[in-house]
Structures are given as structure tokens and as C-alpha cells.
Amino acid sequence: MTRATGYGLRAAGTPEARRLKPVAGFIALFLGLGAVLSAQADRQQAVNTFNAANAAYGAGHFDVAAPLYEQVIVALPDQPIAYLYLGNCYDHLSENAPRGSKAVVDLAHKAEANYRLAVDTLLALKQPNATKNAVTALEMLSVLYAPDRLRDPIAARDVMEKLMRLAPDDPSYVFSLAKLDINAEDYDAAETALAKAITLAPNDPGGYAEVAGHYWDIAAHGAHMTKPREAAYLAKGMAAADKALALAPDNADATTYKGQLTREQGVIETDKKKQSQLYREADALAAKAKALRIAPK
């Protein structure tokens, strides 16, 4: 389980994580959508172009792959995999464009349009593999709408709600929705989402650690936070961290968040002696968490 940051999923947020799986696995789906491909020369050419685009994509040459995928789409506009890969090419090209340039936004919008076309055409197939790839496209969209990209929390929420409908048993999307609520300063809604996420994985220490992290985020960074209100959120986070550690005493994330929660308790503590004790406990937890992360598995 990964803690959500920004508007999307941390795991999908890095450039390497946004590289799609090897394209060879999708060729069968491509061929299956065009039953007469091999019987018609122009469609066979589309297959050849698709393979060339895949090779360029696999080598990281997104500027070469993008126009090839565009050609495939012209020949076969109902080809969802081409939309997905074309969107991902523009996504990477946007990330690589000069910061602050108009190209960054233009390429990001091209990525957005093709991801959305991929979602629509993949879901229309009503096939498990196609739906799985639609989920991938939606995850890519969620990152595209992040504060450091297109900065669109409304679109991000729409995407996250779609993901929750497509994968109702996956708590990671609910945690991402909670992060959106936290960004919008709707802490009651965030708490509702956190409670829902836990019901999906009631015995998962990672889930409780995630809850602890979100409560620390609210308490430490929330707007208009009075000391009593912050103390209440810290207590809820501490309860979640303790639950995680009861299930898995060596959980590094839970240990980290408990340390952060403890330090924040020290920040708002007015008794200097108690404050010093809390800081010592926070330091000890931080050291323990570091040791847990570097310990051999």
C-alpha cells in the first residue's frame, strides 16, 4: 500500500513508474480487435507501424513513438492500446519539456485527451484485460492532474471516483480520495474516506499506518488548526499507528508516523519537561524506523 501524495498515487507519480508494461503483451489484444488485419494490406501496415511505435516506446524514444501511434490511430481509430501509449508518450514528453514553457501544458493536455480516449474505448470492450488497462490510464490521469502538473483537483476527484467504482475493493484509491479531501481542507470528508479504507483492509497494518500518516498530515499542515483540534487529530493518528504496530511491531511506516505524531505532540505541548520527553521519544522512534528500513529482509 502506498501513501497518496498530491492528487494521485505516489507509486504512479515517478517517471519510471509511469512507463507502461512491455508492449509485447498487448499485441495479441491489438490483433484481436481487428479480425481482418492480416487480410488487408493497409491494416497490415498499421500493425507494422504499431510494432515500430512499440519499439521506439520501449527504447524511451517518445518523440519518435508518438507520431507512429498517431498513424495507427488514423488507420484504426477504435484501437484503445494506441491511445493509451500515445497518451503516455505525451505525458513523458511534457515532463521532459523545458520548465515553464507552453509546450509543457500543451503536451500534458494531449496526454489527457488520449488517456481519456483510451479509458472510453477500453471500457466499451467490457473485457477484464481491457478494464485493467483502463484503470492504468485513469491512474496516469490522476498523476497528470496533480498540483505540479495540470493542477485540476476537480478532474482528479472525478478520476479517483471512477477508479473506486472500477476497483471497489482497493483501499489505495480511497486513501487518494482522502488526500484530495485534505488538500481541499474538508477534514470531515477525509475522515470518512479513511474509515472506509480501513473497512476494506481491516487487518492490514499498512492500512492503519496510512491512516496515521494522513492524520499527521492534517494535524501538522491543516489550515485553521487550533491546538485542541490538532491534539484530537494527533490522538486519532496515534491510535491508528498503535493499531498498525500491534498487528506488525516491525512496521517501518507505522513507526515513522508514530515518531512524527509524537514530535508534533511535542510542538504543541506547553509543559517544557513533557515537551522534552516527547521529543526524545520521537527521536527514538525515528531511529528505530531508520533501522527497520535498512535491516535485511
C-alpha atoms as a PDB file:
ATOM      1  CA  MET A   1       0.000   0.000   0.000  1.00  0.00           C
ATOM      2  CA  THR A   2       1.387   3.430  -0.871  1.00  0.00           C
ATOM      3  CA  ARG A   3       0.617   6.723   0.739  1.00  0.00           C
ATOM      4  CA  ALA A   4      -1.047   9.132  -1.654  1.00  0.00           C
ATOM      5  CA  THR A   5       0.539  12.486  -2.302  1.00  0.00           C
ATOM      6  CA  GLY A   6      -0.711  15.390  -4.368  1.00  0.00           C
ATOM      7  CA  TYR A   7      -3.756  14.410  -6.383  1.00  0.00           C
ATOM      8  CA  GLY A   8      -2.640  10.937  -7.362  1.00  0.00           C
ATOM      9  CA  LEU A   9      -0.823   7.833  -6.242  1.00  0.00           C
ATOM     10  CA  ARG A  10       2.772   8.134  -5.171  1.00  0.00           C
ATOM     11  CA  ALA A  11       3.653   4.862  -6.876  1.00  0.00           C
ATOM     12  CA  ALA A  12       2.425   6.206 -10.210  1.00  0.00           C
ATOM     13  CA  GLY A  13       4.000   9.593  -9.699  1.00  0.00           C
ATOM     14  CA  THR A  14       7.603   8.935 -10.703  1.00  0.00           C
ATOM     15  CA  PRO A  15       8.569   8.957 -14.394  1.00  0.00           C
ATOM     16  CA  GLU A  16       9.802   5.364 -14.222  1.00  0.00           C
ATOM     17  CA  ALA A  17       6.573   4.183 -12.575  1.00  0.00           C
ATOM     18  CA  ARG A  18       4.584   5.780 -15.390  1.00  0.00           C
ATOM     19  CA  ARG A  19       6.340   3.655 -18.004  1.00  0.00           C
ATOM     20  CA  LEU A  20       3.818   1.117 -19.205  1.00  0.00           C
ATOM     21  CA  LYS A  21       4.449  -2.606 -19.211  1.00  0.00           C
ATOM     22  CA  PRO A  22       6.355  -4.153 -22.128  1.00  0.00           C
ATOM     23  CA  VAL A  23       4.202  -3.683 -25.178  1.00  0.00           C
ATOM     24  CA  ALA A  24       4.627  -7.233 -26.458  1.00  0.00           C
ATOM     25  CA  GLY A  25       1.929  -8.345 -24.073  1.00  0.00           C
ATOM     26  CA  PHE A  26      -0.598  -6.091 -25.777  1.00  0.00           C
ATOM     27  CA  ILE A  27      -0.026  -7.133 -29.381  1.00  0.00           C
ATOM     28  CA  ALA A  28      -2.489 -10.009 -29.139  1.00  0.00           C
ATOM     29  CA  LEU A  29      -5.196  -7.634 -27.958  1.00  0.00           C
ATOM     30  CA  PHE A  30      -4.366  -5.274 -30.801  1.00  0.00           C
ATOM     31  CA  LEU A  31      -4.668  -8.042 -33.367  1.00  0.00           C
ATOM     32  CA  GLY A  32      -7.822  -9.399 -31.807  1.00  0.00           C
ATOM     33  CA  LEU A  33      -9.599  -6.088 -32.216  1.00  0.00           C
ATOM     34  CA  GLY A  34      -9.060  -6.135 -35.964  1.00  0.00           C
ATOM     35  CA  ALA A  35     -10.022  -9.584 -37.126  1.00  0.00           C
ATOM     36  CA  VAL A  36      -9.146  -8.821 -40.736  1.00  0.00           C
ATOM     37  CA  LEU A  37      -5.817  -7.078 -40.136  1.00  0.00           C
ATOM     38  CA  SER A  38      -3.681  -9.685 -41.823  1.00  0.00           C
ATOM     39  CA  ALA A  39      -6.082  -9.897 -44.770  1.00  0.00           C
ATOM     40  CA  GLN A  40      -5.759  -6.275 -45.806  1.00  0.00           C
ATOM     41  CA  ALA A  41      -2.518  -4.601 -46.798  1.00  0.00           C
ATOM     42  CA  ASP A  42      -3.363  -1.216 -45.277  1.00  0.00           C
ATOM     43  CA  ARG A  43      -4.258  -2.805 -41.971  1.00  0.00           C
ATOM     44  CA  GLN A  44      -1.139  -4.903 -42.031  1.00  0.00           C
ATOM     45  CA  GLN A  45       0.770  -1.676 -42.474  1.00  0.00           C
ATOM     46  CA  ALA A  46      -0.974  -0.387 -39.342  1.00  0.00           C
ATOM     47  CA  VAL A  47       0.311  -3.435 -37.464  1.00  0.00           C
ATOM     48  CA  ASN A  48       3.829  -2.773 -38.741  1.00  0.00           C
ATOM     49  CA  THR A  49       3.580   0.853 -37.683  1.00  0.00           C
ATOM     50  CA  PHE A  50       2.279  -0.222 -34.299  1.00  0.00           C
ATOM     51  CA  ASN A  51       5.248  -2.554 -33.829  1.00  0.00           C
ATOM     52  CA  ALA A  52       7.655   0.231 -34.815  1.00  0.00           C
ATOM     53  CA  ALA A  53       5.972   2.563 -32.329  1.00  0.00           C
ATOM     54  CA  ASN A  54       6.277  -0.101 -29.644  1.00  0.00           C
ATOM     55  CA  ALA A  55       9.999  -0.487 -30.331  1.00  0.00           C
ATOM     56  CA  ALA A  56      10.568   3.264 -30.096  1.00  0.00           C
ATOM     57  CA  TYR A  57       8.493   3.459 -26.929  1.00  0.00           C
ATOM     58  CA  GLY A  58      10.389   0.588 -25.341  1.00  0.00           C
ATOM     59  CA  ALA A  59      13.665   2.389 -26.067  1.00  0.00           C
ATOM     60  CA  GLY A  60      12.356   5.560 -24.431  1.00  0.00           C
ATOM     61  CA  HIS A  61      12.180   7.484 -27.734  1.00  0.00           C
ATOM     62  CA  PHE A  62       8.779   9.014 -27.009  1.00  0.00           C
ATOM     63  CA  ASP A  63       9.187  11.741 -29.639  1.00  0.00           C
ATOM     64  CA  VAL A  64       9.598   9.032 -32.289  1.00  0.00           C
ATOM     65  CA  ALA A  65       6.862   6.757 -30.949  1.00  0.00           C
ATOM     66  CA  ALA A  66       4.167   9.447 -30.662  1.00  0.00           C
ATOM     67  CA  PRO A  67       3.706  10.210 -34.394  1.00  0.00           C
ATOM     68  CA  LEU A  68       3.756   6.476 -35.147  1.00  0.00           C
ATOM     69  CA  TYR A  69       0.938   5.852 -32.683  1.00  0.00           C
ATOM     70  CA  GLU A  70      -0.887   8.790 -34.276  1.00  0.00           C
ATOM     71  CA  GLN A  71      -0.646   6.984 -37.626  1.00  0.00           C
ATOM     72  CA  VAL A  72      -2.043   3.809 -36.098  1.00  0.00           C
ATOM     73  CA  ILE A  73      -4.997   5.719 -34.684  1.00  0.00           C
ATOM     74  CA  VAL A  74      -5.766   7.239 -38.088  1.00  0.00           C
ATOM     75  CA  ALA A  75      -5.865   3.749 -39.596  1.00  0.00           C
ATOM     76  CA  LEU A  76      -7.692   2.163 -36.644  1.00  0.00           C
ATOM     77  CA  PRO A  77      -9.458   4.815 -34.557  1.00  0.00           C
ATOM     78  CA  ASP A  78     -11.073   2.155 -32.356  1.00  0.00           C
ATOM     79  CA  GLN A  79      -7.658   0.912 -31.164  1.00  0.00           C
ATOM     80  CA  PRO A  80      -7.536   1.600 -27.399  1.00  0.00           C
ATOM     81  CA  ILE A  81      -3.980   0.460 -26.759  1.00  0.00           C
ATOM     82  CA  ALA A  82      -2.633   3.003 -29.238  1.00  0.00           C
ATOM     83  CA  TYR A  83      -4.482   5.777 -27.368  1.00  0.00           C
ATOM     84  CA  LEU A  84      -3.036   4.583 -24.070  1.00  0.00           C
ATOM     85  CA  TYR A  85       0.551   4.516 -25.327  1.00  0.00           C
ATOM     86  CA  LEU A  86       0.172   7.771 -27.235  1.00  0.00           C
ATOM     87  CA  GLY A  87      -1.095   9.459 -24.085  1.00  0.00           C
ATOM     88  CA  ASN A  88       1.855   8.079 -22.145  1.00  0.00           C
ATOM     89  CA  CYS A  89       4.285   9.346 -24.795  1.00  0.00           C
ATOM     90  CA  TYR A  90       2.887  12.868 -24.487  1.00  0.00           C
ATOM     91  CA  ASP A  91       2.939  12.504 -20.695  1.00  0.00           C
ATOM     92  CA  HIS A  92       6.684  11.798 -20.736  1.00  0.00           C
ATOM     93  CA  LEU A  93       7.348  14.471 -23.350  1.00  0.00           C
ATOM     94  CA  SER A  94       5.565  17.004 -21.152  1.00  0.00           C
ATOM     95  CA  GLU A  95       7.743  16.015 -18.196  1.00  0.00           C
ATOM     96  CA  ASN A  96      10.860  16.421 -20.348  1.00  0.00           C
ATOM     97  CA  ALA A  97       9.878  19.770 -21.887  1.00  0.00           C
ATOM     98  CA  PRO A  98      11.593  22.958 -20.604  1.00  0.00           C
ATOM     99  CA  ARG A  99      10.069  24.005 -17.283  1.00  0.00           C
ATOM    100  CA  GLY A 100       7.682  26.915 -17.630  1.00  0.00           C
ATOM    101  CA  SER A 101       7.325  26.554 -21.394  1.00  0.00           C
ATOM    102  CA  LYS A 102       3.996  26.466 -23.207  1.00  0.00           C
ATOM    103  CA  ALA A 103       4.964  23.013 -24.507  1.00  0.00           C
ATOM    104  CA  VAL A 104       4.666  21.558 -21.005  1.00  0.00           C
ATOM    105  CA  VAL A 105       0.963  22.364 -20.767  1.00  0.00           C
ATOM    106  CA  ASP A 106       0.194  21.637 -24.429  1.00  0.00           C
ATOM    107  CA  LEU A 107       1.766  18.181 -24.247  1.00  0.00           C
ATOM    108  CA  ALA A 108       0.061  17.454 -20.928  1.00  0.00           C
ATOM    109  CA  HIS A 109      -3.310  18.274 -22.480  1.00  0.00           C
ATOM    110  CA  LYS A 110      -2.536  15.957 -25.400  1.00  0.00           C
ATOM    111  CA  ALA A 111      -1.732  13.239 -22.871  1.00  0.00           C
ATOM    112  CA  GLU A 112      -5.001  13.957 -21.074  1.00  0.00           C
ATOM    113  CA  ALA A 113      -7.078  13.715 -24.258  1.00  0.00           C
ATOM    114  CA  ASN A 114      -5.562  10.400 -25.298  1.00  0.00           C
ATOM    115  CA  TYR A 115      -5.772   8.872 -21.828  1.00  0.00           C
ATOM    116  CA  ARG A 116      -9.471   9.739 -21.776  1.00  0.00           C
ATOM    117  CA  LEU A 117      -9.998   8.219 -25.227  1.00  0.00           C
ATOM    118  CA  ALA A 118      -8.186   5.104 -24.025  1.00  0.00           C
ATOM    119  CA  VAL A 119     -10.457   4.855 -20.977  1.00  0.00           C
ATOM    120  CA  ASP A 120     -13.630   5.235 -23.034  1.00  0.00           C
ATOM    121  CA  THR A 121     -12.656   2.743 -25.735  1.00  0.00           C
ATOM    122  CA  LEU A 122     -11.217   0.195 -23.294  1.00  0.00           C
ATOM    123  CA  LEU A 123     -14.236   0.222 -21.015  1.00  0.00           C
ATOM    124  CA  ALA A 124     -16.538  -0.115 -24.034  1.00  0.00           C
ATOM    125  CA  LEU A 125     -14.959  -3.506 -24.754  1.00  0.00           C
ATOM    126  CA  LYS A 126     -16.288  -4.882 -21.428  1.00  0.00           C
ATOM    127  CA  GLN A 127     -13.350  -7.286 -21.155  1.00  0.00           C
ATOM    128  CA  PRO A 128     -11.311  -7.887 -17.971  1.00  0.00           C
ATOM    129  CA  ASN A 129      -7.938  -7.130 -19.571  1.00  0.00           C
ATOM    130  CA  ALA A 130      -9.292  -4.027 -21.258  1.00  0.00           C
ATOM    131  CA  THR A 131     -10.781  -2.818 -17.971  1.00  0.00           C
ATOM    132  CA  LYS A 132      -7.433  -3.391 -16.258  1.00  0.00           C
ATOM    133  CA  ASN A 133      -5.752  -1.168 -18.846  1.00  0.00           C
ATOM    134  CA  ALA A 134      -8.483   1.448 -18.425  1.00  0.00           C
ATOM    135  CA  VAL A 135      -7.566   1.518 -14.735  1.00  0.00           C
ATOM    136  CA  THR A 136      -3.942   2.114 -15.750  1.00  0.00           C
ATOM    137  CA  ALA A 137      -4.991   5.042 -17.944  1.00  0.00           C
ATOM    138  CA  LEU A 138      -7.039   6.518 -15.091  1.00  0.00           C
ATOM    139  CA  GLU A 139      -4.098   6.192 -12.701  1.00  0.00           C
ATOM    140  CA  MET A 140      -1.947   8.060 -15.211  1.00  0.00           C
ATOM    141  CA  LEU A 141      -4.628  10.761 -15.409  1.00  0.00           C
ATOM    142  CA  SER A 142      -4.709  11.103 -11.634  1.00  0.00           C
ATOM    143  CA  VAL A 143      -1.000  11.974 -11.654  1.00  0.00           C
ATOM    144  CA  LEU A 144      -1.438  14.301 -14.632  1.00  0.00           C
ATOM    145  CA  TYR A 145      -3.929  16.392 -12.618  1.00  0.00           C
ATOM    146  CA  ALA A 146      -1.515  16.797  -9.677  1.00  0.00           C
ATOM    147  CA  PRO A 147      -0.578  20.246  -8.318  1.00  0.00           C
ATOM    148  CA  ASP A 148       2.757  20.186 -10.144  1.00  0.00           C
ATOM    149  CA  ARG A 149       1.175  19.222 -13.470  1.00  0.00           C
ATOM    150  CA  LEU A 150      -2.251  20.378 -14.725  1.00  0.00           C
ATOM    151  CA  ARG A 151      -3.409  21.330 -11.211  1.00  0.00           C
ATOM    152  CA  ASP A 152      -7.046  20.244 -11.511  1.00  0.00           C
ATOM    153  CA  PRO A 153      -8.451  18.856  -8.230  1.00  0.00           C
ATOM    154  CA  ILE A 154     -11.985  18.590  -9.616  1.00  0.00           C
ATOM    155  CA  ALA A 155     -10.858  16.393 -12.503  1.00  0.00           C
ATOM    156  CA  ALA A 156      -8.639  14.447 -10.103  1.00  0.00           C
ATOM    157  CA  ARG A 157     -11.625  13.701  -7.874  1.00  0.00           C
ATOM    158  CA  ASP A 158     -13.683  12.557 -10.857  1.00  0.00           C
ATOM    159  CA  VAL A 159     -10.886  10.190 -11.870  1.00  0.00           C
ATOM    160  CA  MET A 160     -10.498   8.837  -8.346  1.00  0.00           C
ATOM    161  CA  GLU A 161     -14.234   8.188  -8.059  1.00  0.00           C
ATOM    162  CA  LYS A 162     -14.131   6.276 -11.343  1.00  0.00           C
ATOM    163  CA  LEU A 163     -11.224   4.196 -10.039  1.00  0.00           C
ATOM    164  CA  MET A 164     -13.146   3.446  -6.857  1.00  0.00           C
ATOM    165  CA  ARG A 165     -16.110   2.223  -8.906  1.00  0.00           C
ATOM    166  CA  LEU A 166     -13.905   0.044 -11.103  1.00  0.00           C
ATOM    167  CA  ALA A 167     -11.944  -1.375  -8.155  1.00  0.00           C
ATOM    168  CA  PRO A 168     -14.272  -1.112  -5.149  1.00  0.00           C
ATOM    169  CA  ASP A 169     -12.111  -3.404  -3.007  1.00  0.00           C
ATOM    170  CA  ASP A 170      -8.874  -1.431  -3.456  1.00  0.00           C
ATOM    171  CA  PRO A 171      -8.230   0.895  -0.485  1.00  0.00           C
ATOM    172  CA  SER A 172      -5.412   2.783  -2.225  1.00  0.00           C
ATOM    173  CA  TYR A 173      -7.896   4.805  -4.283  1.00  0.00           C
ATOM    174  CA  VAL A 174      -9.896   5.643  -1.154  1.00  0.00           C
ATOM    175  CA  PHE A 175      -6.716   6.874   0.500  1.00  0.00           C
ATOM    176  CA  SER A 176      -6.062   9.045  -2.554  1.00  0.00           C
ATOM    177  CA  LEU A 177      -9.571  10.466  -2.232  1.00  0.00           C
ATOM    178  CA  ALA A 178      -8.822  11.231   1.416  1.00  0.00           C
ATOM    179  CA  LYS A 179      -5.742  13.165   0.305  1.00  0.00           C
ATOM    180  CA  LEU A 180      -7.886  15.200  -2.080  1.00  0.00           C
ATOM    181  CA  ASP A 181     -10.224  15.992   0.799  1.00  0.00           C
ATOM    182  CA  ILE A 182      -7.260  17.032   2.953  1.00  0.00           C
ATOM    183  CA  ASN A 183      -5.991  19.316   0.183  1.00  0.00           C
ATOM    184  CA  ALA A 184      -9.472  20.852  -0.007  1.00  0.00           C
ATOM    185  CA  GLU A 185      -9.443  21.317   3.796  1.00  0.00           C
ATOM    186  CA  ASP A 186     -12.533  19.115   4.113  1.00  0.00           C
ATOM    187  CA  TYR A 187     -11.267  17.122   7.048  1.00  0.00           C
ATOM    188  CA  ASP A 188     -14.614  15.557   7.921  1.00  0.00           C
ATOM    189  CA  ALA A 189     -14.826  14.074   4.426  1.00  0.00           C
ATOM    190  CA  ALA A 190     -11.221  12.927   4.726  1.00  0.00           C
ATOM    191  CA  GLU A 191     -12.025  11.093   7.961  1.00  0.00           C
ATOM    192  CA  THR A 192     -14.974   9.402   6.281  1.00  0.00           C
ATOM    193  CA  ALA A 193     -12.719   8.231   3.463  1.00  0.00           C
ATOM    194  CA  LEU A 194     -10.080   6.977   5.907  1.00  0.00           C
ATOM    195  CA  ALA A 195     -12.692   4.987   7.815  1.00  0.00           C
ATOM    196  CA  LYS A 196     -13.924   3.463   4.559  1.00  0.00           C
ATOM    197  CA  ALA A 197     -10.389   2.498   3.522  1.00  0.00           C
ATOM    198  CA  ILE A 198      -9.869   0.631   6.788  1.00  0.00           C
ATOM    199  CA  THR A 199     -13.077  -1.352   6.295  1.00  0.00           C
ATOM    200  CA  LEU A 200     -11.574  -2.633   3.028  1.00  0.00           C
ATOM    201  CA  ALA A 201      -8.452  -3.948   4.787  1.00  0.00           C
ATOM    202  CA  PRO A 202      -9.291  -4.278   8.496  1.00  0.00           C
ATOM    203  CA  ASN A 203      -6.323  -6.499   9.315  1.00  0.00           C
ATOM    204  CA  ASP A 204      -3.691  -4.758   7.209  1.00  0.00           C
ATOM    205  CA  PRO A 205      -1.077  -2.923   9.303  1.00  0.00           C
ATOM    206  CA  GLY A 206      -0.147  -0.908   6.224  1.00  0.00           C
ATOM    207  CA  GLY A 207      -3.667   0.490   6.092  1.00  0.00           C
ATOM    208  CA  TYR A 208      -3.546   1.688   9.692  1.00  0.00           C
ATOM    209  CA  ALA A 209      -0.090   3.161   9.063  1.00  0.00           C
ATOM    210  CA  GLU A 210      -1.551   5.011   6.105  1.00  0.00           C
ATOM    211  CA  VAL A 211      -4.340   6.391   8.289  1.00  0.00           C
ATOM    212  CA  ALA A 212      -1.770   7.523  10.861  1.00  0.00           C
ATOM    213  CA  GLY A 213       0.141   9.346   8.135  1.00  0.00           C
ATOM    214  CA  HIS A 214      -2.943  11.163   6.912  1.00  0.00           C
ATOM    215  CA  TYR A 215      -3.890  12.255  10.437  1.00  0.00           C
ATOM    216  CA  TRP A 216      -0.366  13.569  10.941  1.00  0.00           C
ATOM    217  CA  ASP A 217      -0.725  15.469   7.653  1.00  0.00           C
ATOM    218  CA  ILE A 218      -3.996  17.038   8.816  1.00  0.00           C
ATOM    219  CA  ALA A 219      -2.634  17.957  12.244  1.00  0.00           C
ATOM    220  CA  ALA A 220       0.736  19.276  11.095  1.00  0.00           C
ATOM    221  CA  HIS A 221      -0.345  21.085   7.936  1.00  0.00           C
ATOM    222  CA  GLY A 222      -4.103  21.664   8.274  1.00  0.00           C
ATOM    223  CA  ALA A 223      -5.493  25.151   7.910  1.00  0.00           C
ATOM    224  CA  HIS A 224      -7.169  26.990  10.809  1.00  0.00           C
ATOM    225  CA  MET A 225      -5.923  24.358  13.256  1.00  0.00           C
ATOM    226  CA  THR A 226      -6.432  25.213  16.935  1.00  0.00           C
ATOM    227  CA  LYS A 227      -4.318  23.364  19.485  1.00  0.00           C
ATOM    228  CA  PRO A 228      -7.272  21.343  20.857  1.00  0.00           C
ATOM    229  CA  ARG A 229      -8.328  20.344  17.342  1.00  0.00           C
ATOM    230  CA  GLU A 230      -4.789  19.448  16.377  1.00  0.00           C
ATOM    231  CA  ALA A 231      -4.390  17.416  19.566  1.00  0.00           C
ATOM    232  CA  ALA A 232      -7.534  15.459  18.698  1.00  0.00           C
ATOM    233  CA  TYR A 233      -6.241  14.604  15.211  1.00  0.00           C
ATOM    234  CA  LEU A 234      -2.863  13.631  16.650  1.00  0.00           C
ATOM    235  CA  ALA A 235      -4.580  11.292  19.101  1.00  0.00           C
ATOM    236  CA  LYS A 236      -6.503   9.639  16.266  1.00  0.00           C
ATOM    237  CA  GLY A 237      -3.326   9.237  14.283  1.00  0.00           C
ATOM    238  CA  MET A 238      -1.525   7.779  17.273  1.00  0.00           C
ATOM    239  CA  ALA A 239      -4.330   5.245  17.783  1.00  0.00           C
ATOM    240  CA  ALA A 240      -4.000   4.169  14.146  1.00  0.00           C
ATOM    241  CA  ALA A 241      -0.201   3.873  14.421  1.00  0.00           C
ATOM    242  CA  ASP A 242      -0.531   1.803  17.592  1.00  0.00           C
ATOM    243  CA  LYS A 243      -3.049  -0.480  15.857  1.00  0.00           C
ATOM    244  CA  ALA A 244      -0.615  -0.976  12.977  1.00  0.00           C
ATOM    245  CA  LEU A 245       2.210  -1.781  15.378  1.00  0.00           C
ATOM    246  CA  ALA A 246       0.005  -4.183  17.321  1.00  0.00           C
ATOM    247  CA  LEU A 247      -0.529  -6.078  14.076  1.00  0.00           C
ATOM    248  CA  ALA A 248       3.098  -5.735  12.903  1.00  0.00           C
ATOM    249  CA  PRO A 249       5.582  -4.480  15.541  1.00  0.00           C
ATOM    250  CA  ASP A 250       8.333  -4.014  12.947  1.00  0.00           C
ATOM    251  CA  ASN A 251       6.275  -1.960  10.506  1.00  0.00           C
ATOM    252  CA  ALA A 252       8.633   0.839   9.467  1.00  0.00           C
ATOM    253  CA  ASP A 253       5.922   3.152   8.121  1.00  0.00           C
ATOM    254  CA  ALA A 254       3.861   2.936  11.307  1.00  0.00           C
ATOM    255  CA  THR A 255       6.984   3.559  13.379  1.00  0.00           C
ATOM    256  CA  THR A 256       7.851   6.582  11.238  1.00  0.00           C
ATOM    257  CA  TYR A 257       4.383   8.083  11.515  1.00  0.00           C
ATOM    258  CA  LYS A 258       4.236   7.436  15.260  1.00  0.00           C
ATOM    259  CA  GLY A 259       7.501   9.338  15.570  1.00  0.00           C
ATOM    260  CA  GLN A 260       6.143  12.237  13.515  1.00  0.00           C
ATOM    261  CA  LEU A 261       2.924  12.302  15.514  1.00  0.00           C
ATOM    262  CA  THR A 262       4.894  12.259  18.763  1.00  0.00           C
ATOM    263  CA  ARG A 263       7.092  15.132  17.603  1.00  0.00           C
ATOM    264  CA  GLU A 264       4.022  17.166  16.644  1.00  0.00           C
ATOM    265  CA  GLN A 265       2.570  16.481  20.086  1.00  0.00           C
ATOM    266  CA  GLY A 266       5.765  17.991  21.436  1.00  0.00           C
ATOM    267  CA  VAL A 267       5.343  21.071  19.263  1.00  0.00           C
ATOM    268  CA  ILE A 268       2.001  21.935  20.852  1.00  0.00           C
ATOM    269  CA  GLU A 269       2.957  20.862  24.389  1.00  0.00           C
ATOM    270  CA  THR A 270       3.353  23.832  26.748  1.00  0.00           C
ATOM    271  CA  ASP A 271       4.997  21.931  29.602  1.00  0.00           C
ATOM    272  CA  LYS A 272       8.724  22.049  28.815  1.00  0.00           C
ATOM    273  CA  LYS A 273       9.504  18.850  30.688  1.00  0.00           C
ATOM    274  CA  LYS A 274       6.782  16.923  28.835  1.00  0.00           C
ATOM    275  CA  GLN A 275       7.844  18.527  25.593  1.00  0.00           C
ATOM    276  CA  SER A 276      11.434  17.348  26.035  1.00  0.00           C
ATOM    277  CA  GLN A 277      10.229  13.832  26.792  1.00  0.00           C
ATOM    278  CA  LEU A 278       8.068  13.786  23.663  1.00  0.00           C
ATOM    279  CA  TYR A 279      10.998  14.952  21.532  1.00  0.00           C
ATOM    280  CA  ARG A 280      13.180  12.182  22.979  1.00  0.00           C
ATOM    281  CA  GLU A 281      10.507   9.608  22.200  1.00  0.00           C
ATOM    282  CA  ALA A 282      10.171  10.990  18.667  1.00  0.00           C
ATOM    283  CA  ASP A 283      13.930  10.760  18.130  1.00  0.00           C
ATOM    284  CA  ALA A 284      13.965   7.171  19.364  1.00  0.00           C
ATOM    285  CA  LEU A 285      11.105   6.231  17.045  1.00  0.00           C
ATOM    286  CA  ALA A 286      12.808   7.909  14.081  1.00  0.00           C
ATOM    287  CA  ALA A 287      15.999   5.970  14.790  1.00  0.00           C
ATOM    288  CA  LYS A 288      14.051   2.729  15.102  1.00  0.00           C
ATOM    289  CA  ALA A 289      12.232   3.373  11.830  1.00  0.00           C
ATOM    290  CA  LYS A 290      15.547   4.021  10.066  1.00  0.00           C
ATOM    291  CA  ALA A 291      16.967   0.784  11.441  1.00  0.00           C
ATOM    292  CA  LEU A 292      13.912  -1.148  10.318  1.00  0.00           C
ATOM    293  CA  ARG A 293      14.241   0.208   6.780  1.00  0.00           C
ATOM    294  CA  ILE A 294      17.877  -0.787   6.388  1.00  0.00           C
ATOM    295  CA  ALA A 295      17.586  -4.140   8.176  1.00  0.00           C
ATOM    296  CA  PRO A 296      17.991  -7.154   5.848  1.00  0.00           C
ATOM    297  CA  LYS A 297      14.664  -8.700   4.888  1.00  0.00           C
END
